Amino acid sequence: MADYQEYRRHVLHRRWRRIFTTVLALLMLVLLCGVWVLWRQLYPTPPTRDEPQVTLLAQAIPDAEWRTLGYQRQSTVTVQRLADGVTTAMDFRLASMPASGAGPVELSWFDDAVFLGDSITQGMQIYDTGLPNAHYCAYRGVGPNTVVNGATCTRADGVEEVPLEALAAYQPRSVYILLGTNVLTRDGDYASFLNYYSLMLDRIRQLLPEADIYVQSITPVRPEVSAEPNHSGMYAERFIRVNNDLAALAVEKGCFFLDLWEVLADENGDLRAEYAQPDGYHLLPEGYAAWVEYLRTHTAHTRPVEGAASAAEFEDAERAGEAPAEKADAAESAAA
């Protein structure tokens, strides 16, 4: 009888050991699968640069000329649409604000504007060739997620503040946004960047319902930047795709889109060498001077501008065959 009990315990022991081993192996397999899925989400396989990027816009416009920096705006339509009215991908230059017919505004026009951005925008505040008299919510190393999450940021002068709180305190008539370079350094998916950007625009619109909001394109970089460690995502082709999506987002949110590549990029889509700091993506004072001149000629004119005719007046004057200045002189003569 003792031998039978001993044999029974031995059989049961082996059975439970097999069950335990099988369960452990299954748990290890599930764990490895989970780790693999998490790894794929955190580090997606980047698309090769040689793969053609065929967008719906490219299908709608077979001519390859639209892909070049020499492409000229063919119409005032800013969004390419399918027959059923669905918005498609776009070339960001098609959605950019055209130059205003009233000519450049005075620098004082920006005195009640706020520039929201990172270290690239800080240069606009620091250099005399920028707009030092404007207001700034500019912080080194930030992205749209920082603004949406309400993090405390440090200005160039060392003052700490929450970006949206500071922006609301200024109560500006115009908001210029340039964010993205710091969170687009690695090659790969940027859906999270666009989601945060969309939320940020919604928050700003809630805080400042009457303000004109300008979404500025991600600025170009020098071609050697992408070869540097942790900068694999900073190259012209990728930034063009990002700007395409930013342009579509700006149109969707009722904002104005500004194409800074028009003045900062060369014929290859790279940052002009004469505007580039040694790091290849920050700007020299000459770059800010070109940037400011572009902004002066690309304003919405949704509010009166002292010393400048409105776009409507300019168009009326053109149809009447006389310049706005001549109309003003005629009015003054009549009054006298």
Protein backbone atom coordinates (compact mmCIF):
# COMPACT_ATOMS: atom_id res chain seq x y z
CA MET A 1 0.00 0.00 0.00
CA ALA A 2 2.84 2.37 0.83
CA ASP A 3 4.41 1.69 -2.54
CA TYR A 4 1.13 2.51 -4.28
CA GLN A 5 0.76 5.86 -2.47
CA GLU A 6 4.36 6.73 -3.27
CA TYR A 7 3.81 5.87 -6.94
CA ARG A 8 0.60 7.94 -7.03
CA ARG A 9 2.35 10.99 -5.54
CA HIS A 10 5.15 10.60 -8.05
CA VAL A 11 2.69 10.52 -11.00
CA LEU A 12 0.75 13.53 -9.70
CA HIS A 13 3.98 15.42 -9.17
CA ARG A 14 5.06 14.84 -12.74
CA ARG A 15 1.61 15.85 -14.05
CA TRP A 16 1.57 19.14 -12.13
CA ARG A 17 5.12 19.84 -13.21
CA ARG A 18 4.11 19.46 -16.87
CA ILE A 19 1.08 21.70 -16.35
CA PHE A 20 3.22 24.32 -14.62
CA THR A 21 5.83 24.24 -17.39
CA THR A 22 3.18 24.58 -20.09
CA VAL A 23 1.47 27.53 -18.37
CA LEU A 24 4.84 29.23 -17.80
CA ALA A 25 5.75 28.81 -21.48
CA LEU A 26 2.43 30.32 -22.55
CA LEU A 27 2.90 33.29 -20.21
CA MET A 28 6.39 33.88 -21.58
CA LEU A 29 5.03 33.76 -25.14
CA VAL A 30 2.29 36.28 -24.31
CA LEU A 31 4.85 38.54 -22.60
CA LEU A 32 7.18 38.43 -25.60
CA CYS A 33 4.30 39.23 -27.96
CA GLY A 34 3.33 42.20 -25.78
CA VAL A 35 6.89 43.51 -25.74
CA TRP A 36 7.09 43.17 -29.53
CA VAL A 37 3.82 45.07 -30.06
CA LEU A 38 4.92 47.83 -27.66
CA TRP A 39 8.27 48.10 -29.42
CA ARG A 40 6.59 48.46 -32.81
CA GLN A 41 4.39 51.25 -31.47
CA LEU A 42 7.24 53.15 -29.85
CA TYR A 43 9.73 52.64 -32.67
CA PRO A 44 7.82 52.21 -35.95
CA THR A 45 9.81 51.32 -39.02
CA PRO A 46 10.55 54.62 -40.80
CA PRO A 47 9.67 54.85 -44.48
CA THR A 48 12.64 54.82 -46.82
CA ARG A 49 13.28 58.10 -48.57
CA ASP A 50 13.42 56.35 -51.93
CA GLU A 51 9.79 55.25 -51.71
CA PRO A 52 7.54 57.55 -53.78
CA GLN A 53 5.04 59.51 -51.69
CA VAL A 54 1.88 59.23 -53.80
CA THR A 55 -0.77 61.48 -52.32
CA LEU A 56 -4.31 62.13 -53.49
CA LEU A 57 -3.16 65.56 -54.62
CA ALA A 58 -0.51 63.96 -56.83
CA GLN A 59 -3.23 61.80 -58.37
CA ALA A 60 -5.44 64.85 -58.92
CA ILE A 61 -2.56 66.82 -60.49
CA PRO A 62 -0.55 64.37 -62.62
CA ASP A 63 1.91 67.07 -63.65
CA ALA A 64 4.97 66.63 -61.42
CA GLU A 65 5.66 70.38 -61.47
CA TRP A 66 3.66 70.85 -58.25
CA ARG A 67 6.37 68.95 -56.34
CA THR A 68 9.04 71.57 -57.14
CA LEU A 69 9.70 74.83 -55.32
CA GLY A 70 9.16 76.66 -58.59
CA TYR A 71 5.47 75.75 -58.64
CA GLN A 72 3.23 78.77 -59.17
CA ARG A 73 -0.21 79.08 -57.62
CA GLN A 74 -2.74 78.28 -60.36
CA SER A 75 -5.87 79.54 -58.64
CA THR A 76 -7.21 80.86 -55.36
CA VAL A 77 -8.46 77.38 -54.39
CA THR A 78 -6.58 76.36 -51.28
CA VAL A 79 -7.85 72.81 -50.81
CA GLN A 80 -7.95 70.05 -53.38
CA ARG A 81 -11.22 68.09 -53.14
CA LEU A 82 -12.56 64.88 -54.58
CA ALA A 83 -15.87 64.77 -56.43
CA ASP A 84 -17.71 63.86 -53.23
CA GLY A 85 -16.30 66.90 -51.43
CA VAL A 86 -13.83 65.03 -49.23
CA THR A 87 -10.72 67.07 -48.48
CA THR A 88 -7.54 65.43 -49.73
CA ALA A 89 -3.87 65.86 -49.02
CA MET A 90 -2.45 69.12 -50.36
CA ASP A 91 0.73 70.88 -51.29
CA PHE A 92 1.16 73.40 -48.49
CA ARG A 93 2.03 76.16 -50.97
CA LEU A 94 -1.46 75.87 -52.42
CA ALA A 95 -2.95 76.68 -49.01
CA SER A 96 -0.58 79.50 -48.09
CA MET A 97 -1.81 83.06 -47.76
CA PRO A 98 -1.01 85.14 -50.86
CA ALA A 99 0.72 88.49 -50.54
CA SER A 100 -1.68 91.24 -49.55
CA GLY A 101 -2.40 93.78 -52.25
CA ALA A 102 -2.11 96.70 -49.82
CA GLY A 103 1.66 96.34 -49.54
CA PRO A 104 3.81 95.82 -46.44
CA VAL A 105 2.48 96.96 -43.08
CA GLU A 106 4.53 99.06 -40.68
CA LEU A 107 6.58 97.24 -38.03
CA SER A 108 4.29 98.74 -35.39
CA TRP A 109 1.51 96.48 -36.75
CA PHE A 110 3.13 93.63 -34.81
CA ASP A 111 3.23 95.47 -31.48
CA ASP A 112 -0.01 93.79 -30.40
CA ALA A 113 0.89 90.39 -31.87
CA VAL A 114 2.17 87.37 -29.94
CA PHE A 115 4.65 84.86 -31.36
CA LEU A 116 4.25 81.38 -29.91
CA GLY A 117 7.18 79.09 -30.58
CA ASP A 118 10.50 77.55 -29.60
CA SER A 119 14.13 78.69 -29.83
CA ILE A 120 13.74 79.57 -33.52
CA THR A 121 11.03 82.06 -32.55
CA GLN A 122 13.20 83.34 -29.70
CA GLY A 123 15.61 84.64 -32.33
CA MET A 124 12.81 86.86 -33.66
CA GLN A 125 12.72 88.46 -30.20
CA ILE A 126 16.49 88.67 -29.66
CA TYR A 127 17.81 90.00 -32.98
CA ASP A 128 17.19 93.59 -34.08
CA THR A 129 16.42 92.22 -37.54
CA GLY A 130 13.41 90.45 -36.00
CA LEU A 131 10.47 92.01 -34.19
CA PRO A 132 11.74 92.79 -30.67
CA ASN A 133 8.72 95.04 -29.92
CA ALA A 134 6.20 92.24 -30.37
CA HIS A 135 5.14 89.94 -27.51
CA TYR A 136 6.57 86.43 -27.19
CA CYS A 137 5.60 83.12 -25.70
CA ALA A 138 8.76 81.41 -26.92
CA TYR A 139 10.54 78.65 -25.02
CA ARG A 140 13.51 76.51 -25.91
CA GLY A 141 12.78 72.85 -26.70
CA VAL A 142 8.96 72.94 -26.59
CA GLY A 143 6.32 71.44 -28.88
CA PRO A 144 2.51 71.60 -29.14
CA ASN A 145 2.20 68.89 -26.46
CA THR A 146 3.94 71.19 -23.95
CA VAL A 147 1.41 73.94 -24.64
CA VAL A 148 -1.63 71.64 -24.47
CA ASN A 149 -0.50 69.94 -21.25
CA GLY A 150 -0.09 73.27 -19.47
CA ALA A 151 3.56 72.72 -18.53
CA THR A 152 5.58 75.54 -17.01
CA CYS A 153 8.14 76.87 -19.49
CA THR A 154 11.11 79.22 -19.23
CA ARG A 155 11.39 82.30 -21.42
CA ALA A 156 14.64 83.66 -22.85
CA ASP A 157 14.87 86.09 -19.91
CA GLY A 158 14.53 83.28 -17.35
CA VAL A 159 10.92 84.00 -16.35
CA GLU A 160 8.78 80.88 -15.88
CA GLU A 161 5.19 80.82 -17.11
CA VAL A 162 2.44 78.59 -18.51
CA PRO A 163 2.22 79.35 -22.28
CA LEU A 164 -1.57 79.50 -22.66
CA GLU A 165 -1.95 81.60 -19.51
CA ALA A 166 0.67 84.05 -20.75
CA LEU A 167 -0.94 84.15 -24.20
CA ALA A 168 -4.36 84.92 -22.74
CA ALA A 169 -2.89 87.66 -20.56
CA TYR A 170 -1.56 89.54 -23.61
CA GLN A 171 -4.97 89.51 -25.36
CA PRO A 172 -3.32 89.93 -28.76
CA ARG A 173 -5.07 90.69 -32.01
CA SER A 174 -2.78 88.31 -33.90
CA VAL A 175 -1.09 85.03 -32.89
CA TYR A 176 1.82 83.63 -34.93
CA ILE A 177 2.66 79.98 -34.25
CA LEU A 178 5.83 78.10 -35.20
CA LEU A 179 6.24 74.79 -33.37
CA GLY A 180 7.44 71.36 -34.41
CA THR A 181 11.18 71.29 -35.01
CA ASN A 182 11.94 69.98 -31.52
CA VAL A 183 9.47 67.07 -31.72
CA LEU A 184 10.16 66.05 -35.33
CA THR A 185 13.83 65.24 -34.99
CA ARG A 186 13.44 61.46 -35.37
CA ASP A 187 12.24 59.94 -38.62
CA GLY A 188 8.87 58.23 -38.28
CA ASP A 189 5.20 58.80 -37.66
CA TYR A 190 4.12 62.29 -36.53
CA ALA A 191 0.39 61.70 -35.93
CA SER A 192 0.77 62.60 -32.26
CA PHE A 193 2.33 65.95 -33.22
CA LEU A 194 -0.64 66.77 -35.46
CA ASN A 195 -3.15 65.73 -32.78
CA TYR A 196 -1.54 67.99 -30.20
CA TYR A 197 -1.30 70.81 -32.74
CA SER A 198 -5.03 70.48 -33.44
CA LEU A 199 -5.85 70.58 -29.73
CA MET A 200 -3.58 73.60 -29.28
CA LEU A 201 -5.38 75.54 -32.03
CA ASP A 202 -8.72 74.73 -30.41
CA ARG A 203 -7.50 75.99 -27.02
CA ILE A 204 -6.13 79.21 -28.51
CA ARG A 205 -9.37 79.82 -30.40
CA GLN A 206 -11.33 79.38 -27.16
CA LEU A 207 -9.05 81.81 -25.31
CA LEU A 208 -8.88 84.38 -28.12
CA PRO A 209 -12.00 84.05 -30.28
CA GLU A 210 -11.42 87.39 -32.07
CA ALA A 211 -7.70 87.00 -32.78
CA ASP A 212 -6.22 86.22 -36.18
CA ILE A 213 -4.27 82.96 -35.88
CA TYR A 214 -1.37 82.36 -38.27
CA VAL A 215 0.08 78.85 -38.59
CA GLN A 216 3.63 79.17 -39.91
CA SER A 217 5.23 76.33 -41.84
CA ILE A 218 8.02 74.30 -40.24
CA THR A 219 11.17 76.06 -41.41
CA PRO A 220 13.62 74.32 -43.76
CA VAL A 221 17.00 72.97 -42.62
CA ARG A 222 20.38 72.41 -44.23
CA PRO A 223 20.80 68.99 -45.93
CA GLU A 224 23.59 67.85 -43.60
CA VAL A 225 21.39 68.11 -40.48
CA SER A 226 19.72 64.71 -40.98
CA ALA A 227 23.12 62.97 -40.80
CA GLU A 228 23.65 64.15 -37.22
CA PRO A 229 22.79 61.87 -34.25
CA ASN A 230 19.11 62.09 -33.21
CA HIS A 231 18.25 64.29 -36.21
CA SER A 232 17.32 61.63 -38.77
CA GLY A 233 13.86 63.11 -39.28
CA MET A 234 15.01 66.61 -40.18
CA TYR A 235 15.16 66.63 -43.96
CA ALA A 236 13.30 68.47 -46.71
CA GLU A 237 11.06 65.67 -48.01
CA ARG A 238 9.69 64.87 -44.54
CA PHE A 239 9.17 68.50 -43.53
CA ILE A 240 7.27 69.04 -46.80
CA ARG A 241 4.89 66.24 -45.82
CA VAL A 242 4.48 67.73 -42.34
CA ASN A 243 3.76 71.16 -43.81
CA ASN A 244 1.18 69.64 -46.15
CA ASP A 245 -0.69 68.33 -43.11
CA LEU A 246 -0.25 71.59 -41.17
CA ALA A 247 -1.69 73.52 -44.10
CA ALA A 248 -4.73 71.24 -44.20
CA LEU A 249 -5.13 71.60 -40.43
CA ALA A 250 -4.94 75.40 -40.65
CA VAL A 251 -7.65 75.46 -43.32
CA GLU A 252 -9.81 73.12 -41.25
CA LYS A 253 -9.49 75.30 -38.14
CA GLY A 254 -10.08 78.59 -39.95
CA CYS A 255 -6.52 79.83 -39.48
CA PHE A 256 -4.15 81.53 -41.93
CA PHE A 257 -1.24 79.44 -43.22
CA LEU A 258 2.10 81.12 -43.95
CA ASP A 259 4.69 79.47 -46.21
CA LEU A 260 8.06 80.53 -44.77
CA TRP A 261 9.82 78.35 -47.35
CA GLU A 262 9.01 81.03 -49.89
CA VAL A 263 11.79 83.19 -48.43
CA LEU A 264 13.93 80.79 -46.36
CA ALA A 265 14.37 77.79 -48.69
CA ASP A 266 16.60 77.46 -51.74
CA GLU A 267 15.69 75.72 -55.01
CA ASN A 268 16.37 72.30 -53.41
CA GLY A 269 14.05 72.85 -50.45
CA ASP A 270 16.95 73.37 -48.04
CA LEU A 271 17.52 76.32 -45.72
CA ARG A 272 19.48 78.97 -47.60
CA ALA A 273 23.15 78.77 -46.63
CA GLU A 274 23.37 82.54 -46.05
CA TYR A 275 20.58 82.32 -43.45
CA ALA A 276 21.79 79.25 -41.51
CA GLN A 277 23.54 79.07 -38.17
CA PRO A 278 26.33 76.46 -37.89
CA ASP A 279 23.85 73.88 -36.52
CA GLY A 280 21.98 74.00 -39.83
CA TYR A 281 18.47 74.84 -38.60
CA HIS A 282 18.62 77.99 -36.45
CA LEU A 283 18.69 81.30 -38.31
CA LEU A 284 21.21 84.11 -38.63
CA PRO A 285 20.01 87.73 -38.35
CA GLU A 286 19.74 87.90 -42.15
CA GLY A 287 17.23 85.06 -42.04
CA TYR A 288 15.05 86.92 -39.56
CA ALA A 289 15.16 90.04 -41.75
CA ALA A 290 13.81 88.01 -44.70
CA TRP A 291 11.21 86.41 -42.42
CA VAL A 292 9.97 89.80 -41.17
CA GLU A 293 9.66 91.19 -44.69
CA TYR A 294 7.56 88.17 -45.63
CA LEU A 295 5.27 88.66 -42.61
CA ARG A 296 4.83 92.36 -43.43
CA THR A 297 3.40 91.48 -46.84
CA HIS A 298 1.24 88.55 -45.69
CA THR A 299 -1.32 89.91 -43.25
CA ALA A 300 -5.05 89.26 -43.05
CA HIS A 301 -6.02 92.93 -42.63
CA THR A 302 -9.04 91.98 -40.55
CA ARG A 303 -8.45 95.12 -38.51
CA PRO A 304 -7.61 98.72 -39.49
CA VAL A 305 -3.93 99.35 -40.20
CA GLU A 306 -2.68 102.90 -39.78
CA GLY A 307 -0.86 104.19 -42.83
CA ALA A 308 -1.91 101.29 -45.10
CA ALA A 309 -4.89 100.92 -47.39
CA SER A 310 -7.10 97.91 -46.82
CA ALA A 311 -7.17 95.09 -49.30
CA ALA A 312 -10.74 96.01 -50.27
CA GLU A 313 -9.76 99.63 -50.90
CA PHE A 314 -6.82 98.49 -52.97
CA GLU A 315 -9.00 96.25 -55.14
CA ASP A 316 -11.63 99.02 -55.55
CA ALA A 317 -8.90 101.43 -56.56
CA GLU A 318 -7.47 99.00 -59.09
CA ARG A 319 -10.90 98.54 -60.68
CA ALA A 320 -11.35 102.33 -60.75
CA GLY A 321 -7.94 102.80 -62.33
CA GLU A 322 -6.38 104.82 -59.52
CA ALA A 323 -4.08 103.95 -56.63
CA PRO A 324 -5.30 104.11 -53.00
CA ALA A 325 -3.01 107.07 -52.33
CA GLU A 326 -4.58 108.96 -55.23
CA LYS A 327 -8.05 108.25 -53.81
CA ALA A 328 -6.98 109.62 -50.45
CA ASP A 329 -5.52 112.76 -52.06
CA ALA A 330 -8.74 113.25 -54.02
CA ALA A 331 -10.80 112.91 -50.84
CA GLU A 332 -8.63 115.42 -49.00
CA SER A 333 -8.93 117.90 -51.91
CA ALA A 334 -12.70 117.52 -51.92
CA ALA A 335 -12.82 118.15 -48.17
CA ALA A 336 -10.70 121.27 -48.53
